[in-house]
Structure formats: C-alpha cells, structure tokens
Amino acid sequence: MFIDSHCHLSFPELRANLPKVLAEMATARVDQAICICTTMEEFPAVSEIAAAHSQLWATVGVHPDNEDVHEPTVEELVTAAQHPKVVAIGETGLDYYRLNGRSIDEMEWQRERFRTHIRAARATAKPLVIHTRSSSADTLRLLREEVALGGSLGERPGVFHCFTETAEVAWAAVELGFYVSFSGILTFKNAQDLRDVAAALPMDRILIETDSPYLAPAPYRGKTNSPAYVPYVAKQLAELRALSLDEIAAQTSANCRRLFALP
C-alpha cells in the first residue's frame, strides 16, 4: 500500500533491529522501501540489505555533508549502479547549512561532487536522489548547467527528498521534471509553509518518505523513526489534499514505482 521512498536501514539505529523494523513495516502496510546510501564505504551494507529482502531497494552515492570519505568517480558510481537492486544515484546534492567557518565559495568540493553524481545519473539513466539545504539556488543552477552541457537527464531525472524549501523551489524542481518528497516534517506544528507547498503541487509529482532513523512524524517526534511511520506522512497529506488515505497511498506509490522503475 505505502512505499517509503527514503530511509537509512544501514544506520545502526535500524540495522541492529532489522527483523523488527521489517515486521513493523508489514503490519503498517509499507510494502517497499528505498535504502539510501550516504558514502561509498557504506554501499556494501546498503546493497547487502536490499539484496537480502525482496521489498527493499538501494541507491549509491555520497551525501554532500560527508567529508573525509572516498570521493567516487563517475565510473565508480556507474559500476556500483549495475547492482540489480540499485535504483538511483544519491543521496547527493548541496548543503550550505553547516559551513563550519567556510564561505560558500569554499564549498566548491561539494559542487564538484554533485556534478559527478549528475553525470553518473545520466550515464546510467537512473534518477538522482537530491538533498538540498540552504543551497537551493546553486542546486538548481548546477542541474540546469549540467543539462545544458550534457543533455537531458531523461524522463526520470529524480527527486528532491525531504523537501523543506519554498514553493518557488518546489515548482522549479517540478518544471525540471523532478518529483518532490515530503517527510515527517510535514506533521510538525511549525511547518505550515511546507504544508502549503504540499497542498499545491501536482499529485503525480509527490512522494512520501521517513528519512528514518531521523525526523519521526507526530506523534513520534523525537523518537527513532522507522519506515513503518510513513503512513503518518500520508495521513497528513490526505488531510491537506482532501483525499482519502487509500487515494494518497495509491498515488504516491504509483509515483514512486514510476520514478524508480520498481516492480
């Protein structure tokens, strides 16, 4: 019924209790989940978890925040993406929220990493899972520049995950062909602006996710998140769109299957 389009089952908080997590997913009617990779060092664990469970899928990439990790080449990402359970490139993108005393100009290493992932996505014809925080202008600029340089990213360019930006950014992403994914933040009391965005976007461009083990939705805020909680995001979306929970489940799951070419 539901699909969690973004979770981190390889992180210790969830991997240590994986059988319980999977059982709770089944009880909550969460039929599939995408296990997101954040470093190349983590990829063997992510792909192993996905390979061991028919309802799980994987990505390959390096999160923009991660430093002192292996920096992949386009070729390395393309090779890893041949794994039969890998459905996307990422989590990638830009994050200027924690500059740690550096200027935005000094974050060129992040921008080069992002370009590498965009080129790998083009080479594999697999979608990008994009993280953008305090960096939306550059995120959109680099995507447009790479399209101008190398051509279209195809019919399934990717998703802006755990969206927290403005309506203008959301519509710019949709105009580029991207999907927009909402997490448990949608249920937070101080997230009315985000709820306004979620209420306005085309329903055929919306995904739901947990980003677990982080960002548990109300009523679990502050606790360890789990893919079993993605129905709470769907419930909030249903209220915003004046649709039934079944309708939200059907639409967001169809969107997710289309984007990631899931069975």
C-alpha atoms as a PDB file:
ATOM      1  CA  MET A   1       0.000   0.000   0.000  1.00  0.00           C
ATOM      2  CA  PHE A   2       2.665   2.539   1.064  1.00  0.00           C
ATOM      3  CA  ILE A   3       6.252   2.998  -0.121  1.00  0.00           C
ATOM      4  CA  ASP A   4       8.926   4.720   1.952  1.00  0.00           C
ATOM      5  CA  SER A   5      10.934   6.451  -0.761  1.00  0.00           C
ATOM      6  CA  HIS A   6      13.890   7.322   1.510  1.00  0.00           C
ATOM      7  CA  CYS A   7      15.203   5.560   4.612  1.00  0.00           C
ATOM      8  CA  HIS A   8      18.564   4.536   6.078  1.00  0.00           C
ATOM      9  CA  LEU A   9      18.234   0.924   7.172  1.00  0.00           C
ATOM     10  CA  SER A  10      22.016   0.520   7.207  1.00  0.00           C
ATOM     11  CA  PHE A  11      22.333   3.045  10.039  1.00  0.00           C
ATOM     12  CA  PRO A  12      22.956   1.376  13.415  1.00  0.00           C
ATOM     13  CA  GLU A  13      19.679   2.501  14.980  1.00  0.00           C
ATOM     14  CA  LEU A  14      17.718   0.453  12.430  1.00  0.00           C
ATOM     15  CA  ARG A  15      20.090  -2.256  11.253  1.00  0.00           C
ATOM     16  CA  ALA A  16      20.522  -3.593  14.791  1.00  0.00           C
ATOM     17  CA  ASN A  17      16.771  -4.301  14.870  1.00  0.00           C
ATOM     18  CA  LEU A  18      16.149  -5.028  11.193  1.00  0.00           C
ATOM     19  CA  PRO A  19      13.822  -8.043  11.615  1.00  0.00           C
ATOM     20  CA  LYS A  20      11.608  -5.991  13.948  1.00  0.00           C
ATOM     21  CA  VAL A  21      11.703  -3.000  11.575  1.00  0.00           C
ATOM     22  CA  LEU A  22      10.633  -5.180   8.635  1.00  0.00           C
ATOM     23  CA  ALA A  23       7.865  -6.813  10.662  1.00  0.00           C
ATOM     24  CA  GLU A  24       6.530  -3.403  11.695  1.00  0.00           C
ATOM     25  CA  MET A  25       6.642  -2.256   8.069  1.00  0.00           C
ATOM     26  CA  ALA A  26       4.495  -5.221   7.068  1.00  0.00           C
ATOM     27  CA  THR A  27       1.986  -4.520   9.845  1.00  0.00           C
ATOM     28  CA  ALA A  28       1.779  -0.863   8.733  1.00  0.00           C
ATOM     29  CA  ARG A  29       1.260  -1.976   5.105  1.00  0.00           C
ATOM     30  CA  VAL A  30       4.523  -0.402   3.945  1.00  0.00           C
ATOM     31  CA  ASP A  31       5.193  -2.704   1.016  1.00  0.00           C
ATOM     32  CA  GLN A  32       8.524  -1.349  -0.235  1.00  0.00           C
ATOM     33  CA  ALA A  33      11.323   0.985   0.817  1.00  0.00           C
ATOM     34  CA  ILE A  34      14.374   2.588  -0.781  1.00  0.00           C
ATOM     35  CA  CYS A  35      17.548   2.198   1.326  1.00  0.00           C
ATOM     36  CA  ILE A  36      19.678   5.268   0.772  1.00  0.00           C
ATOM     37  CA  CYS A  37      23.471   5.242   0.558  1.00  0.00           C
ATOM     38  CA  THR A  38      25.456   8.165   2.017  1.00  0.00           C
ATOM     39  CA  THR A  39      29.096   7.064   1.465  1.00  0.00           C
ATOM     40  CA  MET A  40      30.865   4.634  -0.817  1.00  0.00           C
ATOM     41  CA  GLU A  41      32.156   2.917   2.321  1.00  0.00           C
ATOM     42  CA  GLU A  42      28.532   2.305   3.318  1.00  0.00           C
ATOM     43  CA  PHE A  43      27.450   0.945  -0.066  1.00  0.00           C
ATOM     44  CA  PRO A  44      28.285  -2.727   0.616  1.00  0.00           C
ATOM     45  CA  ALA A  45      25.991  -2.698   3.666  1.00  0.00           C
ATOM     46  CA  VAL A  46      23.186  -0.851   1.843  1.00  0.00           C
ATOM     47  CA  SER A  47      23.297  -3.161  -1.163  1.00  0.00           C
ATOM     48  CA  GLU A  48      23.546  -6.258   1.055  1.00  0.00           C
ATOM     49  CA  ILE A  49      20.401  -5.294   2.970  1.00  0.00           C
ATOM     50  CA  ALA A  50      18.496  -4.628  -0.254  1.00  0.00           C
ATOM     51  CA  ALA A  51      19.703  -7.859  -1.856  1.00  0.00           C
ATOM     52  CA  ALA A  52      18.528  -9.896   1.127  1.00  0.00           C
ATOM     53  CA  HIS A  53      14.939  -8.586   1.084  1.00  0.00           C
ATOM     54  CA  SER A  54      12.645  -8.508  -1.931  1.00  0.00           C
ATOM     55  CA  GLN A  55      10.757  -5.424  -0.701  1.00  0.00           C
ATOM     56  CA  LEU A  56      13.885  -3.300  -0.327  1.00  0.00           C
ATOM     57  CA  TRP A  57      15.876  -1.376  -2.933  1.00  0.00           C
ATOM     58  CA  ALA A  58      19.099   0.628  -2.796  1.00  0.00           C
ATOM     59  CA  THR A  59      20.927   3.696  -4.079  1.00  0.00           C
ATOM     60  CA  VAL A  60      24.615   4.551  -4.421  1.00  0.00           C
ATOM     61  CA  GLY A  61      26.162   7.918  -3.688  1.00  0.00           C
ATOM     62  CA  VAL A  62      27.827  10.275  -1.223  1.00  0.00           C
ATOM     63  CA  HIS A  63      25.847  12.719   0.907  1.00  0.00           C
ATOM     64  CA  PRO A  64      27.020  16.332   0.458  1.00  0.00           C
ATOM     65  CA  ASP A  65      27.785  16.731   4.174  1.00  0.00           C
ATOM     66  CA  ASN A  66      30.205  13.802   4.347  1.00  0.00           C
ATOM     67  CA  GLU A  67      33.879  14.709   4.433  1.00  0.00           C
ATOM     68  CA  ASP A  68      36.996  12.555   4.795  1.00  0.00           C
ATOM     69  CA  VAL A  69      35.322   9.763   2.836  1.00  0.00           C
ATOM     70  CA  HIS A  70      36.128   8.150  -0.501  1.00  0.00           C
ATOM     71  CA  GLU A  71      35.335  10.547  -3.346  1.00  0.00           C
ATOM     72  CA  PRO A  72      33.813   8.499  -6.182  1.00  0.00           C
ATOM     73  CA  THR A  73      34.437   8.991  -9.854  1.00  0.00           C
ATOM     74  CA  VAL A  74      31.669   8.833 -12.419  1.00  0.00           C
ATOM     75  CA  GLU A  75      32.984   5.410 -13.411  1.00  0.00           C
ATOM     76  CA  GLU A  76      32.828   4.083  -9.839  1.00  0.00           C
ATOM     77  CA  LEU A  77      29.239   5.231  -9.430  1.00  0.00           C
ATOM     78  CA  VAL A  78      28.259   3.755 -12.786  1.00  0.00           C
ATOM     79  CA  THR A  79      29.839   0.416 -11.863  1.00  0.00           C
ATOM     80  CA  ALA A  80      28.141   0.278  -8.460  1.00  0.00           C
ATOM     81  CA  ALA A  81      24.824   1.224 -10.053  1.00  0.00           C
ATOM     82  CA  GLN A  82      24.871  -2.021 -12.053  1.00  0.00           C
ATOM     83  CA  HIS A  83      23.939  -3.892  -8.866  1.00  0.00           C
ATOM     84  CA  PRO A  84      20.488  -5.369  -9.577  1.00  0.00           C
ATOM     85  CA  LYS A  85      18.872  -3.723  -6.539  1.00  0.00           C
ATOM     86  CA  VAL A  86      20.267  -0.209  -7.154  1.00  0.00           C
ATOM     87  CA  VAL A  87      17.538   2.069  -8.500  1.00  0.00           C
ATOM     88  CA  ALA A  88      19.060   5.563  -8.149  1.00  0.00           C
ATOM     89  CA  ILE A  89      22.164   7.700  -7.739  1.00  0.00           C
ATOM     90  CA  GLY A  90      22.500   9.527  -4.433  1.00  0.00           C
ATOM     91  CA  GLU A  91      21.892  10.813  -1.880  1.00  0.00           C
ATOM     92  CA  THR A  92      23.662  13.746  -3.483  1.00  0.00           C
ATOM     93  CA  GLY A  93      23.285  17.500  -3.775  1.00  0.00           C
ATOM     94  CA  LEU A  94      24.423  20.539  -1.796  1.00  0.00           C
ATOM     95  CA  ASP A  95      24.240  21.571   1.843  1.00  0.00           C
ATOM     96  CA  TYR A  96      25.381  25.030   2.972  1.00  0.00           C
ATOM     97  CA  TYR A  97      23.679  24.833   6.365  1.00  0.00           C
ATOM     98  CA  ARG A  98      26.865  23.903   8.237  1.00  0.00           C
ATOM     99  CA  LEU A  99      29.721  25.773   6.622  1.00  0.00           C
ATOM    100  CA  ASN A 100      31.945  25.377   9.711  1.00  0.00           C
ATOM    101  CA  GLY A 101      33.527  28.778   9.222  1.00  0.00           C
ATOM    102  CA  ARG A 102      33.921  28.418   5.457  1.00  0.00           C
ATOM    103  CA  SER A 103      32.455  30.618   2.760  1.00  0.00           C
ATOM    104  CA  ILE A 104      30.100  29.308   0.093  1.00  0.00           C
ATOM    105  CA  ASP A 105      32.900  29.833  -2.415  1.00  0.00           C
ATOM    106  CA  GLU A 106      34.960  27.358  -0.416  1.00  0.00           C
ATOM    107  CA  MET A 107      32.316  24.663  -0.909  1.00  0.00           C
ATOM    108  CA  GLU A 108      33.365  24.018  -4.486  1.00  0.00           C
ATOM    109  CA  TRP A 109      34.256  20.440  -3.491  1.00  0.00           C
ATOM    110  CA  GLN A 110      30.554  19.844  -2.821  1.00  0.00           C
ATOM    111  CA  ARG A 111      29.594  21.272  -6.178  1.00  0.00           C
ATOM    112  CA  GLU A 112      32.136  19.081  -7.983  1.00  0.00           C
ATOM    113  CA  ARG A 113      30.855  16.006  -6.124  1.00  0.00           C
ATOM    114  CA  PHE A 114      27.312  16.898  -7.167  1.00  0.00           C
ATOM    115  CA  ARG A 115      28.366  17.258 -10.805  1.00  0.00           C
ATOM    116  CA  THR A 116      29.955  13.806 -10.649  1.00  0.00           C
ATOM    117  CA  HIS A 117      26.700  12.300  -9.424  1.00  0.00           C
ATOM    118  CA  ILE A 118      24.644  14.117 -12.069  1.00  0.00           C
ATOM    119  CA  ARG A 119      26.912  12.728 -14.789  1.00  0.00           C
ATOM    120  CA  ALA A 120      26.659   9.223 -13.334  1.00  0.00           C
ATOM    121  CA  ALA A 121      22.871   9.500 -13.322  1.00  0.00           C
ATOM    122  CA  ARG A 122      22.909  10.500 -16.971  1.00  0.00           C
ATOM    123  CA  ALA A 123      25.264   7.633 -17.850  1.00  0.00           C
ATOM    124  CA  THR A 124      23.121   5.047 -16.063  1.00  0.00           C
ATOM    125  CA  ALA A 125      19.703   6.532 -16.914  1.00  0.00           C
ATOM    126  CA  LYS A 126      18.865   6.268 -13.220  1.00  0.00           C
ATOM    127  CA  PRO A 127      17.258   9.057 -11.193  1.00  0.00           C
ATOM    128  CA  LEU A 128      19.031  11.332  -8.732  1.00  0.00           C
ATOM    129  CA  VAL A 129      18.101  11.481  -5.050  1.00  0.00           C
ATOM    130  CA  ILE A 130      18.812  15.118  -4.219  1.00  0.00           C
ATOM    131  CA  HIS A 131      19.482  16.646  -0.809  1.00  0.00           C
ATOM    132  CA  THR A 132      19.437  20.440  -0.772  1.00  0.00           C
ATOM    133  CA  ARG A 133      19.630  22.597   2.348  1.00  0.00           C
ATOM    134  CA  SER A 134      20.332  26.338   2.368  1.00  0.00           C
ATOM    135  CA  SER A 135      21.607  25.820  -1.174  1.00  0.00           C
ATOM    136  CA  SER A 136      18.602  25.632  -3.480  1.00  0.00           C
ATOM    137  CA  ALA A 137      19.781  28.337  -5.898  1.00  0.00           C
ATOM    138  CA  ASP A 138      23.061  26.535  -6.551  1.00  0.00           C
ATOM    139  CA  THR A 139      21.341  23.138  -6.652  1.00  0.00           C
ATOM    140  CA  LEU A 140      19.008  24.298  -9.401  1.00  0.00           C
ATOM    141  CA  ARG A 141      21.801  26.166 -11.196  1.00  0.00           C
ATOM    142  CA  LEU A 142      24.062  23.116 -11.351  1.00  0.00           C
ATOM    143  CA  LEU A 143      21.246  20.907 -12.594  1.00  0.00           C
ATOM    144  CA  ARG A 144      20.466  23.381 -15.358  1.00  0.00           C
ATOM    145  CA  GLU A 145      24.138  23.791 -16.256  1.00  0.00           C
ATOM    146  CA  GLU A 146      24.682  20.042 -16.455  1.00  0.00           C
ATOM    147  CA  VAL A 147      21.627  19.630 -18.679  1.00  0.00           C
ATOM    148  CA  ALA A 148      22.941  22.424 -20.925  1.00  0.00           C
ATOM    149  CA  LEU A 149      26.385  20.789 -21.055  1.00  0.00           C
ATOM    150  CA  GLY A 150      25.479  17.135 -21.341  1.00  0.00           C
ATOM    151  CA  GLY A 151      21.874  16.940 -22.411  1.00  0.00           C
ATOM    152  CA  SER A 152      18.661  15.812 -20.770  1.00  0.00           C
ATOM    153  CA  LEU A 153      18.601  13.718 -17.617  1.00  0.00           C
ATOM    154  CA  GLY A 154      15.803  11.705 -19.201  1.00  0.00           C
ATOM    155  CA  GLU A 155      12.181  11.128 -18.286  1.00  0.00           C
ATOM    156  CA  ARG A 156      13.060  10.192 -14.675  1.00  0.00           C
ATOM    157  CA  PRO A 157      15.567  12.840 -13.547  1.00  0.00           C
ATOM    158  CA  GLY A 158      14.996  12.293  -9.831  1.00  0.00           C
ATOM    159  CA  VAL A 159      13.538  13.587  -6.592  1.00  0.00           C
ATOM    160  CA  PHE A 160      14.165  16.446  -4.185  1.00  0.00           C
ATOM    161  CA  HIS A 161      13.992  14.430  -0.981  1.00  0.00           C
ATOM    162  CA  CYS A 162      12.865  15.594   2.481  1.00  0.00           C
ATOM    163  CA  PHE A 163      11.719  18.843   0.940  1.00  0.00           C
ATOM    164  CA  THR A 164      11.830  21.918   3.185  1.00  0.00           C
ATOM    165  CA  GLU A 165      12.363  24.729   0.685  1.00  0.00           C
ATOM    166  CA  THR A 166       9.977  27.347  -0.696  1.00  0.00           C
ATOM    167  CA  ALA A 167       7.119  26.916  -3.136  1.00  0.00           C
ATOM    168  CA  GLU A 168       9.245  28.609  -5.786  1.00  0.00           C
ATOM    169  CA  VAL A 169      11.941  25.961  -5.414  1.00  0.00           C
ATOM    170  CA  ALA A 170       9.373  23.162  -5.490  1.00  0.00           C
ATOM    171  CA  TRP A 171       7.839  24.423  -8.717  1.00  0.00           C
ATOM    172  CA  ALA A 172      11.294  24.908 -10.265  1.00  0.00           C
ATOM    173  CA  ALA A 173      12.084  21.266  -9.426  1.00  0.00           C
ATOM    174  CA  VAL A 174       8.817  20.095 -10.978  1.00  0.00           C
ATOM    175  CA  GLU A 175       9.483  22.167 -14.093  1.00  0.00           C
ATOM    176  CA  LEU A 176      12.813  20.340 -14.438  1.00  0.00           C
ATOM    177  CA  GLY A 177      10.930  17.039 -14.310  1.00  0.00           C
ATOM    178  CA  PHE A 178      11.734  16.170 -10.696  1.00  0.00           C
ATOM    179  CA  TYR A 179       9.486  14.732  -8.028  1.00  0.00           C
ATOM    180  CA  VAL A 180       9.226  16.286  -4.550  1.00  0.00           C
ATOM    181  CA  SER A 181       9.227  14.095  -1.447  1.00  0.00           C
ATOM    182  CA  PHE A 182       7.809  15.017   1.943  1.00  0.00           C
ATOM    183  CA  SER A 183       8.910  13.557   5.274  1.00  0.00           C
ATOM    184  CA  GLY A 184       7.592  13.611   8.831  1.00  0.00           C
ATOM    185  CA  ILE A 185       8.430  17.319   8.949  1.00  0.00           C
ATOM    186  CA  LEU A 186       5.081  17.778   7.201  1.00  0.00           C
ATOM    187  CA  THR A 187       3.388  16.872  10.512  1.00  0.00           C
ATOM    188  CA  PHE A 188       5.357  19.308  12.679  1.00  0.00           C
ATOM    189  CA  LYS A 189       3.363  22.175  14.208  1.00  0.00           C
ATOM    190  CA  ASN A 190       5.746  24.833  12.844  1.00  0.00           C
ATOM    191  CA  ALA A 191       5.657  23.525   9.258  1.00  0.00           C
ATOM    192  CA  GLN A 192       2.606  25.337   7.872  1.00  0.00           C
ATOM    193  CA  ASP A 193       4.567  26.848   4.978  1.00  0.00           C
ATOM    194  CA  LEU A 194       5.659  23.344   3.979  1.00  0.00           C
ATOM    195  CA  ARG A 195       2.092  22.067   4.229  1.00  0.00           C
ATOM    196  CA  ASP A 196       1.052  24.867   1.874  1.00  0.00           C
ATOM    197  CA  VAL A 197       3.613  23.635  -0.649  1.00  0.00           C
ATOM    198  CA  ALA A 198       2.439  20.033  -0.315  1.00  0.00           C
ATOM    199  CA  ALA A 199      -1.178  21.138  -0.813  1.00  0.00           C
ATOM    200  CA  ALA A 200      -0.391  22.933  -4.074  1.00  0.00           C
ATOM    201  CA  LEU A 201       1.924  20.654  -6.050  1.00  0.00           C
ATOM    202  CA  PRO A 202       0.623  18.251  -8.702  1.00  0.00           C
ATOM    203  CA  MET A 203      -0.257  14.946  -7.011  1.00  0.00           C
ATOM    204  CA  ASP A 204       1.550  12.975  -9.715  1.00  0.00           C
ATOM    205  CA  ARG A 205       4.845  14.578  -8.601  1.00  0.00           C
ATOM    206  CA  ILE A 206       4.672  13.884  -4.857  1.00  0.00           C
ATOM    207  CA  LEU A 207       6.430  11.138  -2.894  1.00  0.00           C
ATOM    208  CA  ILE A 208       6.402  10.327   0.818  1.00  0.00           C
ATOM    209  CA  GLU A 209       9.329   9.226   2.968  1.00  0.00           C
ATOM    210  CA  THR A 210      10.599   8.888   6.516  1.00  0.00           C
ATOM    211  CA  ASP A 211      14.326   9.685   6.205  1.00  0.00           C
ATOM    212  CA  SER A 212      14.492   7.286   9.144  1.00  0.00           C
ATOM    213  CA  PRO A 213      16.027   6.954  11.659  1.00  0.00           C
ATOM    214  CA  TYR A 214      15.587  10.760  11.695  1.00  0.00           C
ATOM    215  CA  LEU A 215      12.586  13.117  11.648  1.00  0.00           C
ATOM    216  CA  ALA A 216       9.917  10.892  13.149  1.00  0.00           C
ATOM    217  CA  PRO A 217       6.447  12.314  12.448  1.00  0.00           C
ATOM    218  CA  ALA A 218       3.958  13.324  15.083  1.00  0.00           C
ATOM    219  CA  PRO A 219       3.056  11.588  17.380  1.00  0.00           C
ATOM    220  CA  TYR A 220       6.541  10.019  17.495  1.00  0.00           C
ATOM    221  CA  ARG A 221       8.568  13.216  17.117  1.00  0.00           C
ATOM    222  CA  GLY A 222      11.868  12.974  18.976  1.00  0.00           C
ATOM    223  CA  LYS A 223      11.956   9.178  18.828  1.00  0.00           C
ATOM    224  CA  THR A 224      13.777   6.876  16.423  1.00  0.00           C
ATOM    225  CA  ASN A 225      11.962   6.966  13.114  1.00  0.00           C
ATOM    226  CA  SER A 226      11.110   3.878  11.067  1.00  0.00           C
ATOM    227  CA  PRO A 227       9.664   3.136   7.611  1.00  0.00           C
ATOM    228  CA  ALA A 228       6.579   1.867   9.471  1.00  0.00           C
ATOM    229  CA  TYR A 229       5.770   5.513  10.250  1.00  0.00           C
ATOM    230  CA  VAL A 230       5.444   6.684   6.646  1.00  0.00           C
ATOM    231  CA  PRO A 231       1.612   6.315   6.814  1.00  0.00           C
ATOM    232  CA  TYR A 232       1.591   9.279   9.211  1.00  0.00           C
ATOM    233  CA  VAL A 233       3.086  11.425   6.441  1.00  0.00           C
ATOM    234  CA  ALA A 234       0.459  10.075   4.061  1.00  0.00           C
ATOM    235  CA  LYS A 235      -2.301  10.858   6.579  1.00  0.00           C
ATOM    236  CA  GLN A 236      -1.168  14.483   6.827  1.00  0.00           C
ATOM    237  CA  LEU A 237      -1.032  14.731   3.042  1.00  0.00           C
ATOM    238  CA  ALA A 238      -4.523  13.246   2.772  1.00  0.00           C
ATOM    239  CA  GLU A 239      -5.884  15.926   5.103  1.00  0.00           C
ATOM    240  CA  LEU A 240      -4.181  18.667   3.098  1.00  0.00           C
ATOM    241  CA  ARG A 241      -5.483  17.398  -0.227  1.00  0.00           C
ATOM    242  CA  ALA A 242      -8.976  16.409   0.989  1.00  0.00           C
ATOM    243  CA  LEU A 243      -8.340  12.874  -0.260  1.00  0.00           C
ATOM    244  CA  SER A 244      -8.673   9.503   1.419  1.00  0.00           C
ATOM    245  CA  LEU A 245      -5.650   7.742   2.868  1.00  0.00           C
ATOM    246  CA  ASP A 246      -6.103   4.979   0.284  1.00  0.00           C
ATOM    247  CA  GLU A 247      -6.016   7.531  -2.531  1.00  0.00           C
ATOM    248  CA  ILE A 248      -2.800   9.078  -1.191  1.00  0.00           C
ATOM    249  CA  ALA A 249      -1.238   5.639  -0.777  1.00  0.00           C
ATOM    250  CA  ALA A 250      -2.163   4.616  -4.313  1.00  0.00           C
ATOM    251  CA  GLN A 251      -0.943   7.846  -5.932  1.00  0.00           C
ATOM    252  CA  THR A 252       2.338   8.208  -4.042  1.00  0.00           C
ATOM    253  CA  SER A 253       3.158   4.531  -4.505  1.00  0.00           C
ATOM    254  CA  ALA A 254       2.466   4.765  -8.245  1.00  0.00           C
ATOM    255  CA  ASN A 255       4.662   7.861  -8.410  1.00  0.00           C
ATOM    256  CA  CYS A 256       7.482   6.092  -6.567  1.00  0.00           C
ATOM    257  CA  ARG A 257       7.280   2.989  -8.744  1.00  0.00           C
ATOM    258  CA  ARG A 258       7.338   5.151 -11.856  1.00  0.00           C
ATOM    259  CA  LEU A 259      10.324   7.189 -10.736  1.00  0.00           C
ATOM    260  CA  PHE A 260      12.468   4.301  -9.522  1.00  0.00           C
ATOM    261  CA  ALA A 261      11.163   1.702 -12.018  1.00  0.00           C
ATOM    262  CA  LEU A 262      10.085  -0.563  -9.178  1.00  0.00           C
ATOM    263  CA  PRO A 263       8.069  -3.718  -9.852  1.00  0.00           C
END
